[in-house]
């Protein structure tokens, strides 16, 4: 039976105002329960926005605030060739919110090319810069992986007694690219999967194993989460932890609307 130790993150805390908080809390929960490393790949979602607005930071420097339909908030700073007045910022935001809400950023970019003649050039230029920044923001969000509990490996004998193993593990967590690739592969499988060391041909090196499972939003797989630890970890317990957490995350993200 899975028990939660005193001080561990409670499953109820996976219910949050924004999906990013759900993902961060899930990674911490995985780490707290497993005593190893918890990893969660952010949901893969289309680059659609619900609301956009501009905030002037200084001359020719503006903050673009983009809110997704799920409530994710992305911020991007843009630099422009000319300065914009508060009324111009409002005009650009109102136009985007009135005409393009619900469209993917790629569609917005194409429609702006066709409709630019009907807009004042300086406002059109601001909107093009905002859309480009928003596309980058959504693209980076797609590649996000949240990692929690790396220091737990310091108490694992396989790593604490071999600085080479420990260094390779921390390099893996710092670069994140290989973890993203691993989680992406496991998202294509159903249920909990175990990848043991090098024999899996997926885990980057021999000393680490991964127990992972996909999670869903409204019945559709959008990401993966899991536990990374030594090859000699208690797999039965890890399977239970990962399975329960994937269900909690799926439930939290599917019912927050």
Protein backbone atom coordinates (compact mmCIF):
# COMPACT_ATOMS: atom_id res chain seq x y z
CA UNK A 1 0.00 0.00 0.00
CA UNK A 2 1.32 3.43 -0.93
CA UNK A 3 1.71 5.79 2.04
CA UNK A 4 2.65 9.47 2.08
CA UNK A 5 5.29 10.45 4.60
CA UNK A 6 5.02 13.54 6.75
CA UNK A 7 6.16 16.59 4.80
CA UNK A 8 5.46 15.05 1.41
CA UNK A 9 3.36 16.90 -1.12
CA UNK A 10 -0.28 15.92 -0.81
CA UNK A 11 -2.09 14.65 -3.94
CA UNK A 12 -4.77 17.31 -3.42
CA UNK A 13 -2.13 19.92 -4.22
CA UNK A 14 -2.14 18.73 -7.83
CA UNK A 15 -5.30 20.78 -8.29
CA UNK A 16 -4.00 24.22 -9.27
CA UNK A 17 -5.02 27.35 -11.10
CA UNK A 18 -2.58 26.80 -13.95
CA UNK A 19 -1.35 23.63 -15.67
CA UNK A 20 2.28 24.65 -15.02
CA UNK A 21 1.62 24.40 -11.30
CA UNK A 22 0.06 20.97 -11.70
CA UNK A 23 3.15 19.79 -13.60
CA UNK A 24 5.60 21.25 -11.06
CA UNK A 25 3.67 19.77 -8.14
CA UNK A 26 3.50 16.38 -9.86
CA UNK A 27 7.29 16.27 -10.32
CA UNK A 28 7.73 17.10 -6.62
CA UNK A 29 5.17 14.48 -5.62
CA UNK A 30 6.96 11.80 -7.66
CA UNK A 31 10.26 12.74 -6.04
CA UNK A 32 8.85 12.85 -2.50
CA UNK A 33 7.15 9.47 -2.78
CA UNK A 34 9.93 7.63 -4.63
CA UNK A 35 12.94 9.30 -2.94
CA UNK A 36 14.48 9.43 -6.40
CA UNK A 37 14.04 11.91 -9.27
CA UNK A 38 10.60 12.93 -10.51
CA UNK A 39 10.23 14.11 -14.11
CA UNK A 40 7.19 15.43 -15.95
CA UNK A 41 6.96 16.51 -19.58
CA UNK A 42 4.70 19.54 -20.05
CA UNK A 43 1.47 18.98 -22.00
CA UNK A 44 1.70 19.16 -25.75
CA UNK A 45 -0.93 21.63 -26.88
CA UNK A 46 -1.60 23.69 -29.99
CA UNK A 47 -0.34 27.29 -29.92
CA UNK A 48 -3.80 28.81 -29.50
CA UNK A 49 -4.39 31.90 -27.39
CA UNK A 50 -7.41 33.07 -25.43
CA UNK A 51 -6.19 36.57 -24.66
CA UNK A 52 -3.24 38.82 -25.42
CA UNK A 53 -2.18 42.19 -24.06
CA UNK A 54 0.77 44.57 -24.08
CA UNK A 55 2.60 46.31 -21.26
CA UNK A 56 5.11 49.09 -21.87
CA UNK A 57 8.34 48.48 -19.96
CA UNK A 58 10.40 51.34 -21.34
CA UNK A 59 10.95 53.15 -24.61
CA UNK A 60 10.60 50.64 -27.50
CA UNK A 61 10.53 47.75 -25.03
CA UNK A 62 7.25 45.94 -24.33
CA UNK A 63 5.97 42.88 -22.52
CA UNK A 64 3.60 40.62 -24.46
CA UNK A 65 1.31 38.60 -22.17
CA UNK A 66 -0.35 35.58 -23.80
CA UNK A 67 -2.99 33.45 -22.09
CA UNK A 68 -3.83 30.02 -23.54
CA UNK A 69 -7.34 28.49 -23.44
CA UNK A 70 -6.12 26.27 -20.57
CA UNK A 71 -5.02 29.28 -18.51
CA UNK A 72 -1.28 29.00 -19.15
CA UNK A 73 0.37 32.42 -19.11
CA UNK A 74 3.40 33.10 -21.29
CA UNK A 75 5.35 36.36 -21.18
CA UNK A 76 7.73 37.66 -23.83
CA UNK A 77 9.69 40.90 -24.04
CA UNK A 78 9.84 42.45 -27.51
CA UNK A 79 11.92 45.34 -28.79
CA UNK A 80 10.49 47.56 -31.52
CA UNK A 81 11.90 50.11 -33.97
CA UNK A 82 9.49 52.77 -32.80
CA UNK A 83 7.82 53.62 -29.51
CA UNK A 84 4.10 53.00 -29.02
CA UNK A 85 1.55 54.98 -27.07
CA UNK A 86 -0.83 53.32 -24.58
CA UNK A 87 -3.70 53.83 -27.03
CA UNK A 88 -1.78 52.01 -29.78
CA UNK A 89 -1.05 49.11 -27.44
CA UNK A 90 -4.74 48.85 -26.58
CA UNK A 91 -5.70 49.09 -30.26
CA UNK A 92 -3.36 46.25 -31.24
CA UNK A 93 -4.46 44.02 -28.34
CA UNK A 94 -8.15 44.67 -29.01
CA UNK A 95 -7.77 43.81 -32.69
CA UNK A 96 -5.96 40.54 -31.95
CA UNK A 97 -8.44 39.56 -29.24
CA UNK A 98 -11.45 40.41 -31.39
CA UNK A 99 -10.36 38.71 -34.61
CA UNK A 100 -7.90 35.92 -33.84
CA UNK A 101 -8.85 34.28 -30.52
CA UNK A 102 -9.05 30.49 -30.94
CA UNK A 103 -6.67 30.40 -33.91
CA UNK A 104 -3.20 28.86 -33.82
CA UNK A 105 -0.37 31.37 -33.93
CA UNK A 106 0.66 30.07 -37.35
CA UNK A 107 -2.83 30.90 -38.67
CA UNK A 108 -2.71 34.34 -37.06
CA UNK A 109 0.63 35.02 -38.72
CA UNK A 110 -0.77 34.12 -42.16
CA UNK A 111 -3.96 36.14 -41.71
CA UNK A 112 -1.98 39.18 -40.61
CA UNK A 113 -0.06 39.06 -43.90
CA UNK A 114 -3.33 39.26 -45.81
CA UNK A 115 -4.97 41.89 -43.64
CA UNK A 116 -1.99 44.15 -43.06
CA UNK A 117 -3.23 46.62 -45.70
CA UNK A 118 -6.33 47.34 -43.64
CA UNK A 119 -4.28 48.19 -40.55
CA UNK A 120 -2.12 51.16 -39.78
CA UNK A 121 1.46 50.14 -40.49
CA UNK A 122 2.87 50.86 -37.02
CA UNK A 123 0.12 48.84 -35.34
CA UNK A 124 0.50 46.00 -37.85
CA UNK A 125 4.24 45.94 -37.15
CA UNK A 126 3.60 45.66 -33.42
CA UNK A 127 1.17 42.77 -33.94
CA UNK A 128 3.60 40.89 -36.18
CA UNK A 129 6.30 41.19 -33.51
CA UNK A 130 3.85 40.01 -30.84
CA UNK A 131 2.76 36.98 -32.87
CA UNK A 132 6.37 35.99 -33.55
CA UNK A 133 7.19 36.26 -29.84
CA UNK A 134 4.08 34.29 -28.93
CA UNK A 135 4.99 31.50 -31.34
CA UNK A 136 8.42 31.24 -29.71
CA UNK A 137 6.85 31.19 -26.25
CA UNK A 138 4.49 28.34 -27.13
CA UNK A 139 7.28 26.44 -28.85
CA UNK A 140 9.49 26.62 -25.77
CA UNK A 141 6.61 25.55 -23.55
CA UNK A 142 6.20 22.42 -25.68
CA UNK A 143 9.78 21.43 -24.88
CA UNK A 144 9.51 21.92 -21.14
CA UNK A 145 10.37 19.12 -18.75
CA UNK A 146 10.15 19.65 -15.01
CA UNK A 147 12.65 17.77 -12.85
CA UNK A 148 12.53 17.45 -9.06
CA UNK A 149 14.71 15.65 -6.52
CA UNK A 150 18.04 15.32 -8.31
CA UNK A 151 19.83 15.57 -4.95
CA UNK A 152 18.13 12.35 -3.86
CA UNK A 153 20.73 10.50 -5.90
CA UNK A 154 23.39 11.64 -3.43
CA UNK A 155 22.01 9.09 -0.96
CA UNK A 156 22.07 6.24 -3.49
CA UNK A 157 25.22 4.15 -3.01
CA UNK A 158 25.63 3.46 -6.75
CA UNK A 159 26.10 7.19 -7.25
CA UNK A 160 27.54 8.49 -3.97
CA UNK A 161 30.45 6.04 -4.27
CA UNK A 162 31.19 6.90 -7.90
CA UNK A 163 31.55 10.56 -8.78
CA UNK A 164 31.68 9.69 -12.48
CA UNK A 165 28.21 8.16 -12.36
CA UNK A 166 26.90 11.07 -10.32
CA UNK A 167 28.37 13.64 -12.70
CA UNK A 168 26.85 11.92 -15.75
CA UNK A 169 23.47 11.80 -14.05
CA UNK A 170 23.53 15.49 -13.19
CA UNK A 171 24.67 16.35 -16.73
CA UNK A 172 21.65 14.43 -18.00
CA UNK A 173 19.26 16.42 -15.81
CA UNK A 174 20.90 19.71 -16.71
CA UNK A 175 20.75 19.22 -20.49
CA UNK A 176 17.21 17.74 -20.47
CA UNK A 177 17.32 16.90 -24.19
CA UNK A 178 17.79 13.17 -23.64
CA UNK A 179 15.11 13.12 -20.95
CA UNK A 180 12.68 14.80 -23.34
CA UNK A 181 13.48 12.20 -26.01
CA UNK A 182 12.98 9.37 -23.52
CA UNK A 183 9.68 10.74 -22.26
CA UNK A 184 8.52 11.33 -25.81
CA UNK A 185 9.17 7.68 -26.67
CA UNK A 186 7.37 6.43 -23.57
CA UNK A 187 4.35 8.64 -24.30
CA UNK A 188 3.64 6.39 -27.27
CA UNK A 189 3.17 3.39 -24.98
CA UNK A 190 0.08 2.55 -22.96
CA UNK A 191 0.21 2.33 -19.17
CA UNK A 192 3.34 2.14 -17.02
CA UNK A 193 6.58 1.20 -18.73
CA UNK A 194 10.00 0.29 -17.28
CA UNK A 195 13.29 1.08 -19.02
CA UNK A 196 16.23 -0.55 -17.28
CA UNK A 197 19.69 0.87 -17.93
CA UNK A 198 21.48 0.45 -21.22
CA UNK A 199 19.63 -2.75 -22.11
CA UNK A 200 16.54 -0.66 -22.83
CA UNK A 201 18.40 1.18 -25.64
CA UNK A 202 16.48 4.27 -24.48
CA UNK A 203 18.03 5.21 -21.12
CA UNK A 204 21.29 7.14 -21.78
CA UNK A 205 23.53 5.04 -19.52
CA UNK A 206 23.71 1.79 -17.57
CA UNK A 207 23.28 3.01 -14.00
CA UNK A 208 19.84 4.60 -14.43
CA UNK A 209 16.39 3.17 -14.93
CA UNK A 210 13.11 4.92 -15.68
CA UNK A 211 9.55 4.03 -14.74
CA UNK A 212 7.16 6.16 -16.78
CA UNK A 213 3.53 6.53 -17.80
CA UNK A 214 1.61 8.88 -20.12
CA UNK A 215 -1.04 11.23 -18.75
CA UNK A 216 -4.14 12.50 -20.50
CA UNK A 217 -6.37 15.53 -20.83
CA UNK A 218 -9.97 14.69 -21.67
CA UNK A 219 -8.97 11.22 -22.85
CA UNK A 220 -6.08 12.31 -25.08
CA UNK A 221 -2.43 11.65 -24.20
CA UNK A 222 -0.62 14.99 -23.93
CA UNK A 223 2.52 14.20 -21.93
CA UNK A 224 4.53 11.74 -19.85
CA UNK A 225 5.80 11.56 -16.30
CA UNK A 226 8.01 9.19 -14.39
CA UNK A 227 10.67 8.36 -11.84
CA UNK A 228 14.38 8.12 -12.63
CA UNK A 229 16.51 6.14 -10.22
CA UNK A 230 19.15 3.42 -9.91
CA UNK A 231 18.69 0.10 -11.68
CA UNK A 232 18.26 -1.58 -8.28
CA UNK A 233 15.19 0.40 -7.21
CA UNK A 234 11.97 -1.24 -5.91
CA UNK A 235 10.09 -1.43 -9.20
CA UNK A 236 6.76 -2.61 -7.77
CA UNK A 237 6.54 0.50 -5.59
CA UNK A 238 7.73 2.79 -8.41
CA UNK A 239 5.06 1.40 -10.75
CA UNK A 240 2.39 2.16 -8.15
CA UNK A 241 3.69 5.71 -7.56
CA UNK A 242 3.90 6.53 -11.26
CA UNK A 243 0.52 5.00 -12.07
CA UNK A 244 -1.27 6.89 -9.28
CA UNK A 245 0.43 10.19 -10.15
CA UNK A 246 -0.43 9.90 -13.84
CA UNK A 247 -4.08 9.42 -12.92
CA UNK A 248 -4.00 12.39 -10.52
CA UNK A 249 -2.45 14.65 -13.16
CA UNK A 250 -4.92 13.50 -15.82
CA UNK A 251 -7.80 14.19 -13.48
CA UNK A 252 -6.48 17.61 -12.38
CA UNK A 253 -5.87 18.83 -15.94
CA UNK A 254 -9.11 17.43 -17.36
CA UNK A 255 -11.42 18.92 -14.73
CA UNK A 256 -9.90 22.35 -14.17
CA UNK A 257 -11.99 24.04 -16.89
